[in-house]
Amino acid sequence: MPHFHSSDYQVSFGDCDPAGIAYYPNMFRWVDKTYHDWLRGFGGHAHLCAELGAVGLGLIDLKAQFRSPLRDGDHLQVVMIGMDWGTRSLLISYQGLVGERLAFEAQETRGVFVQKDGRLSAAPMAALRALAGQ
């Protein structure tokens, strides 16, 4: 399966409950770290914000679905598997894999936020898309 970027983690005791169900905040943390690791390939969050005149490349929406247990010591790979570039948002799809086994899926919607008339607003994604070579 093609992917845009991936990050690796060692699952530790406390990342999941005794049944191996990953705590949702951990899935969200792993996804967020993978996203920011991907941004580093283009100079990182702060650099891109400066280039775009943005306050931040922020999260608009996030959801995750548990698929199979994770255990202490598992090697988890979080993979960005899809990007859907909208006019003012970017939908990114992820998979959390232990080997070939799907542990979770996640989707997040991101935006480029700028200060306009004293308020935050979502800017067009075209400039970020160009900087990311997409």
Protein backbone atom coordinates (compact mmCIF):
# COMPACT_ATOMS: atom_id res chain seq x y z
CA MET A 1 0.00 0.00 0.00
CA PRO A 2 1.47 3.40 -0.91
CA HIS A 3 2.10 5.80 1.92
CA PHE A 4 3.32 9.34 2.40
CA HIS A 5 5.14 9.01 5.71
CA SER A 6 5.39 6.71 8.71
CA SER A 7 6.63 6.78 12.29
CA ASP A 8 7.61 3.89 14.54
CA TYR A 9 6.78 3.38 18.20
CA GLN A 10 7.39 0.75 20.83
CA VAL A 11 4.14 0.13 22.66
CA SER A 12 4.67 0.23 26.40
CA PHE A 13 2.69 -0.89 29.41
CA GLY A 14 0.12 1.80 30.08
CA ASP A 15 -0.50 2.67 26.42
CA CYS A 16 -3.42 0.21 26.50
CA ASP A 17 -5.84 -1.33 28.96
CA PRO A 18 -5.37 -4.96 30.13
CA ALA A 19 -7.38 -6.22 27.11
CA GLY A 20 -4.91 -4.53 24.73
CA ILE A 21 -7.29 -1.76 23.70
CA ALA A 22 -5.23 1.35 23.03
CA TYR A 23 -6.33 4.43 24.94
CA TYR A 24 -7.71 6.91 22.41
CA PRO A 25 -5.49 9.78 23.65
CA ASN A 26 -2.46 7.62 22.78
CA MET A 27 -3.73 6.94 19.26
CA PHE A 28 -4.27 10.68 18.82
CA ARG A 29 -0.76 11.39 20.17
CA TRP A 30 0.81 8.85 17.78
CA VAL A 31 -1.09 10.32 14.80
CA ASP A 32 -0.16 13.90 15.75
CA LYS A 33 3.51 12.98 16.12
CA THR A 34 3.47 11.29 12.70
CA TYR A 35 1.94 14.42 11.15
CA HIS A 36 4.58 16.68 12.72
CA ASP A 37 7.36 14.28 11.68
CA TRP A 38 6.03 14.58 8.11
CA LEU A 39 6.11 18.40 8.37
CA ARG A 40 9.79 18.26 9.38
CA GLY A 41 10.56 17.07 5.86
CA PHE A 42 9.48 20.53 4.68
CA GLY A 43 11.19 22.55 7.42
CA GLY A 44 8.79 21.86 10.30
CA HIS A 45 5.68 23.51 11.69
CA ALA A 46 7.25 26.84 12.67
CA HIS A 47 9.09 27.21 9.35
CA LEU A 48 5.97 26.42 7.31
CA CYS A 49 3.86 28.84 9.36
CA ALA A 50 6.41 31.59 8.72
CA GLU A 51 6.41 30.79 4.99
CA LEU A 52 2.61 30.83 4.86
CA GLY A 53 2.02 33.77 7.20
CA ALA A 54 0.00 31.40 9.35
CA VAL A 55 -0.62 31.24 13.08
CA GLY A 56 -0.71 27.45 12.92
CA LEU A 57 -1.39 24.33 10.91
CA GLY A 58 -4.17 23.28 13.19
CA LEU A 59 -6.43 20.36 13.84
CA ILE A 60 -10.06 20.77 12.80
CA ASP A 61 -11.34 17.23 13.37
CA LEU A 62 -9.95 13.87 14.47
CA LYS A 63 -11.40 10.40 14.79
CA ALA A 64 -9.99 6.95 15.33
CA GLN A 65 -11.26 3.39 15.23
CA PHE A 66 -9.74 0.59 17.30
CA ARG A 67 -9.24 -2.58 15.20
CA SER A 68 -7.09 -5.05 17.19
CA PRO A 69 -5.15 -5.29 20.47
CA LEU A 70 -1.78 -3.73 21.17
CA ARG A 71 0.54 -5.25 23.74
CA ASP A 72 3.55 -4.09 25.71
CA GLY A 73 6.59 -4.40 23.44
CA ASP A 74 4.70 -4.36 20.13
CA HIS A 75 6.43 -2.50 17.32
CA LEU A 76 3.77 -0.07 16.05
CA GLN A 77 4.12 1.70 12.73
CA VAL A 78 1.77 4.66 12.14
CA VAL A 79 1.42 5.21 8.42
CA MET A 80 -0.07 8.17 6.56
CA ILE A 81 -1.90 6.34 3.77
CA GLY A 82 -3.98 9.04 2.11
CA MET A 83 -4.33 12.78 1.66
CA ASP A 84 -7.39 14.54 0.33
CA TRP A 85 -6.55 18.18 -0.33
CA GLY A 86 -9.63 20.38 -0.09
CA THR A 87 -9.84 24.09 -0.75
CA ARG A 88 -9.41 25.05 2.93
CA SER A 89 -8.63 21.75 4.63
CA LEU A 90 -6.57 18.60 4.34
CA LEU A 91 -7.99 15.19 5.27
CA ILE A 92 -5.25 12.71 6.20
CA SER A 93 -5.88 8.98 6.69
CA TYR A 94 -3.65 6.84 8.91
CA GLN A 95 -3.22 3.20 9.83
CA GLY A 96 -1.56 1.87 12.96
CA LEU A 97 0.10 -1.45 12.08
CA VAL A 98 1.84 -4.17 14.05
CA GLY A 99 3.52 -6.07 11.23
CA GLU A 100 0.71 -6.68 8.76
CA ARG A 101 -1.99 -6.51 11.44
CA LEU A 102 -4.19 -3.40 11.55
CA ALA A 103 -4.37 -2.10 15.14
CA PHE A 104 -6.23 1.18 14.46
CA GLU A 105 -7.30 3.57 11.76
CA ALA A 106 -7.52 7.34 12.12
CA GLN A 107 -8.49 10.35 10.09
CA GLU A 108 -7.70 13.96 10.83
CA THR A 109 -8.67 17.18 9.15
CA ARG A 110 -6.09 19.97 9.26
CA GLY A 111 -6.19 23.60 8.22
CA VAL A 112 -3.84 26.53 7.70
CA PHE A 113 -5.00 29.20 10.15
CA VAL A 114 -4.31 32.88 9.65
CA GLN A 115 -5.23 35.97 11.67
CA LYS A 116 -7.73 38.06 9.74
CA ASP A 117 -9.64 41.05 11.14
CA GLY A 118 -8.74 39.98 14.68
CA ARG A 119 -10.09 36.45 14.15
CA LEU A 120 -8.65 33.11 13.11
CA SER A 121 -9.76 31.86 9.74
CA ALA A 122 -8.86 28.96 7.51
CA ALA A 123 -6.65 29.97 4.61
CA PRO A 124 -6.56 28.26 1.21
CA MET A 125 -4.50 25.04 1.22
CA ALA A 126 -2.86 25.61 -2.17
CA ALA A 127 0.29 27.23 -0.73
CA LEU A 128 0.86 24.43 1.80
CA ARG A 129 0.19 21.84 -0.88
CA ALA A 130 2.84 23.43 -3.10
CA LEU A 131 5.40 23.58 -0.25
CA ALA A 132 4.73 19.91 0.49
CA GLY A 133 5.23 18.99 -3.16
CA GLN A 134 1.74 17.60 -3.48
